[in-house]
Amino acid sequence: MTSIASTTPIERIARVIAAEMLSPNAEGSGDLGRPVSEVVDTIWPRETERALAVLRTLREPTPTMIRAGEAAGTDPAHIWSAMVNAAIAERPATDG
């Protein structure tokens, strides 16, 4: 069964962006003097434009994402999850 989120994709993405900016491993308090999660609760709304940019980019699926969605059946939640997992698996080639 696919989990159904209780927060919007924009909020979830914005929180991840904020957390990554503060602490790449999202652990500890670093130089903030309080847990990163508390700071993220305060600053994630500032990252909503970046979150929207991410979602806008995903509007156009790759062929791999389409195949994964087609293979996932008819449940929209399963299709979405399969397509996003396919996108995650499509890592770009790097020169490094």
C-alpha atoms as a PDB file:
ATOM      1  CA  MET A   1       0.000   0.000   0.000  1.00  0.00           C
ATOM      2  CA  THR A   2       1.240   3.476  -0.837  1.00  0.00           C
ATOM      3  CA  SER A   3       1.362   5.949   2.038  1.00  0.00           C
ATOM      4  CA  ILE A   4      -0.769   9.057   1.667  1.00  0.00           C
ATOM      5  CA  ALA A   5       0.956  12.251   2.776  1.00  0.00           C
ATOM      6  CA  SER A   6      -0.652  14.620   5.242  1.00  0.00           C
ATOM      7  CA  THR A   7       1.277  17.693   4.078  1.00  0.00           C
ATOM      8  CA  THR A   8       1.446  19.238   0.629  1.00  0.00           C
ATOM      9  CA  PRO A   9       4.278  18.371  -1.749  1.00  0.00           C
ATOM     10  CA  ILE A  10       5.306  22.041  -1.698  1.00  0.00           C
ATOM     11  CA  GLU A  11       5.740  22.018   2.068  1.00  0.00           C
ATOM     12  CA  ARG A  12       7.600  18.694   2.079  1.00  0.00           C
ATOM     13  CA  ILE A  13      10.016  19.814  -0.629  1.00  0.00           C
ATOM     14  CA  ALA A  14      10.512  23.236   0.994  1.00  0.00           C
ATOM     15  CA  ARG A  15      11.317  21.560   4.318  1.00  0.00           C
ATOM     16  CA  VAL A  16      13.910  19.313   2.661  1.00  0.00           C
ATOM     17  CA  ILE A  17      15.525  22.289   0.921  1.00  0.00           C
ATOM     18  CA  ALA A  18      15.673  24.216   4.199  1.00  0.00           C
ATOM     19  CA  ALA A  19      17.073  21.239   6.098  1.00  0.00           C
ATOM     20  CA  GLU A  20      19.731  20.568   3.478  1.00  0.00           C
ATOM     21  CA  MET A  21      20.855  24.195   3.616  1.00  0.00           C
ATOM     22  CA  LEU A  22      21.222  23.997   7.385  1.00  0.00           C
ATOM     23  CA  SER A  23      22.620  20.507   7.813  1.00  0.00           C
ATOM     24  CA  PRO A  24      23.500  18.203   4.913  1.00  0.00           C
ATOM     25  CA  ASN A  25      22.793  15.143   7.060  1.00  0.00           C
ATOM     26  CA  ALA A  26      19.825  16.786   8.846  1.00  0.00           C
ATOM     27  CA  GLU A  27      21.226  15.839  12.241  1.00  0.00           C
ATOM     28  CA  GLY A  28      22.385  17.832  15.212  1.00  0.00           C
ATOM     29  CA  SER A  29      22.219  21.520  15.901  1.00  0.00           C
ATOM     30  CA  GLY A  30      25.465  22.679  14.312  1.00  0.00           C
ATOM     31  CA  ASP A  31      26.092  26.347  15.035  1.00  0.00           C
ATOM     32  CA  LEU A  32      22.383  27.104  15.367  1.00  0.00           C
ATOM     33  CA  GLY A  33      22.151  26.485  19.098  1.00  0.00           C
ATOM     34  CA  ARG A  34      18.975  24.443  18.660  1.00  0.00           C
ATOM     35  CA  PRO A  35      17.924  21.390  16.660  1.00  0.00           C
ATOM     36  CA  VAL A  36      17.812  21.820  12.899  1.00  0.00           C
ATOM     37  CA  SER A  37      14.219  20.566  12.880  1.00  0.00           C
ATOM     38  CA  GLU A  38      13.131  23.551  14.984  1.00  0.00           C
ATOM     39  CA  VAL A  39      14.830  25.987  12.626  1.00  0.00           C
ATOM     40  CA  VAL A  40      13.297  24.235   9.604  1.00  0.00           C
ATOM     41  CA  ASP A  41       9.848  24.691  11.164  1.00  0.00           C
ATOM     42  CA  THR A  42      10.515  28.423  11.109  1.00  0.00           C
ATOM     43  CA  ILE A  43      12.187  28.903   7.723  1.00  0.00           C
ATOM     44  CA  TRP A  44      10.622  26.382   5.358  1.00  0.00           C
ATOM     45  CA  PRO A  45       8.008  28.879   4.070  1.00  0.00           C
ATOM     46  CA  ARG A  46      10.871  30.913   2.562  1.00  0.00           C
ATOM     47  CA  GLU A  47      11.705  27.955   0.320  1.00  0.00           C
ATOM     48  CA  THR A  48       8.298  27.508  -1.290  1.00  0.00           C
ATOM     49  CA  GLU A  49       9.355  29.137  -4.566  1.00  0.00           C
ATOM     50  CA  ARG A  50      12.202  26.647  -4.935  1.00  0.00           C
ATOM     51  CA  ALA A  51       9.808  23.826  -4.084  1.00  0.00           C
ATOM     52  CA  LEU A  52       7.413  25.041  -6.769  1.00  0.00           C
ATOM     53  CA  ALA A  53      10.279  25.113  -9.271  1.00  0.00           C
ATOM     54  CA  VAL A  54      11.007  21.457  -8.503  1.00  0.00           C
ATOM     55  CA  LEU A  55       7.375  20.468  -9.002  1.00  0.00           C
ATOM     56  CA  ARG A  56       7.092  22.469 -12.222  1.00  0.00           C
ATOM     57  CA  THR A  57      10.117  20.604 -13.548  1.00  0.00           C
ATOM     58  CA  LEU A  58       8.471  17.252 -12.843  1.00  0.00           C
ATOM     59  CA  ARG A  59       5.382  18.074 -14.912  1.00  0.00           C
ATOM     60  CA  GLU A  60       7.059  16.532 -17.951  1.00  0.00           C
ATOM     61  CA  PRO A  61       7.894  12.877 -17.329  1.00  0.00           C
ATOM     62  CA  THR A  62      10.779  11.048 -18.946  1.00  0.00           C
ATOM     63  CA  PRO A  63      10.163   7.891 -21.004  1.00  0.00           C
ATOM     64  CA  THR A  64      11.402   5.835 -18.039  1.00  0.00           C
ATOM     65  CA  MET A  65       8.870   7.508 -15.756  1.00  0.00           C
ATOM     66  CA  ILE A  66       6.056   6.852 -18.232  1.00  0.00           C
ATOM     67  CA  ARG A  67       6.951   3.152 -18.493  1.00  0.00           C
ATOM     68  CA  ALA A  68       7.032   2.872 -14.693  1.00  0.00           C
ATOM     69  CA  GLY A  69       3.619   4.532 -14.439  1.00  0.00           C
ATOM     70  CA  GLU A  70       2.128   2.266 -17.070  1.00  0.00           C
ATOM     71  CA  ALA A  71       3.476  -0.816 -15.258  1.00  0.00           C
ATOM     72  CA  ALA A  72       2.140   0.309 -11.875  1.00  0.00           C
ATOM     73  CA  GLY A  73      -1.487  -0.561 -12.545  1.00  0.00           C
ATOM     74  CA  THR A  74      -4.518   1.667 -12.162  1.00  0.00           C
ATOM     75  CA  ASP A  75      -4.219   3.079  -8.633  1.00  0.00           C
ATOM     76  CA  PRO A  76      -3.175   6.733  -9.015  1.00  0.00           C
ATOM     77  CA  ALA A  77      -1.132   6.603  -5.793  1.00  0.00           C
ATOM     78  CA  HIS A  78       0.829   3.577  -7.052  1.00  0.00           C
ATOM     79  CA  ILE A  79       1.339   5.197 -10.452  1.00  0.00           C
ATOM     80  CA  TRP A  80       2.614   8.424  -8.851  1.00  0.00           C
ATOM     81  CA  SER A  81       4.945   6.540  -6.533  1.00  0.00           C
ATOM     82  CA  ALA A  82       6.316   4.389  -9.358  1.00  0.00           C
ATOM     83  CA  MET A  83       6.941   7.409 -11.567  1.00  0.00           C
ATOM     84  CA  VAL A  84       8.692   9.370  -8.813  1.00  0.00           C
ATOM     85  CA  ASN A  85      10.803   6.337  -7.893  1.00  0.00           C
ATOM     86  CA  ALA A  86      11.773   6.005 -11.560  1.00  0.00           C
ATOM     87  CA  ALA A  87      12.773   9.691 -11.608  1.00  0.00           C
ATOM     88  CA  ILE A  88      14.911   9.191  -8.496  1.00  0.00           C
ATOM     89  CA  ALA A  89      16.613   6.198 -10.115  1.00  0.00           C
ATOM     90  CA  GLU A  90      17.476   8.219 -13.237  1.00  0.00           C
ATOM     91  CA  ARG A  91      20.716   9.697 -11.997  1.00  0.00           C
ATOM     92  CA  PRO A  92      22.495  12.002 -14.432  1.00  0.00           C
ATOM     93  CA  ALA A  93      25.921  11.072 -15.710  1.00  0.00           C
ATOM     94  CA  THR A  94      28.642  13.144 -14.070  1.00  0.00           C
ATOM     95  CA  ASP A  95      32.211  13.855 -15.005  1.00  0.00           C
ATOM     96  CA  GLY A  96      33.666  13.306 -11.656  1.00  0.00           C
END
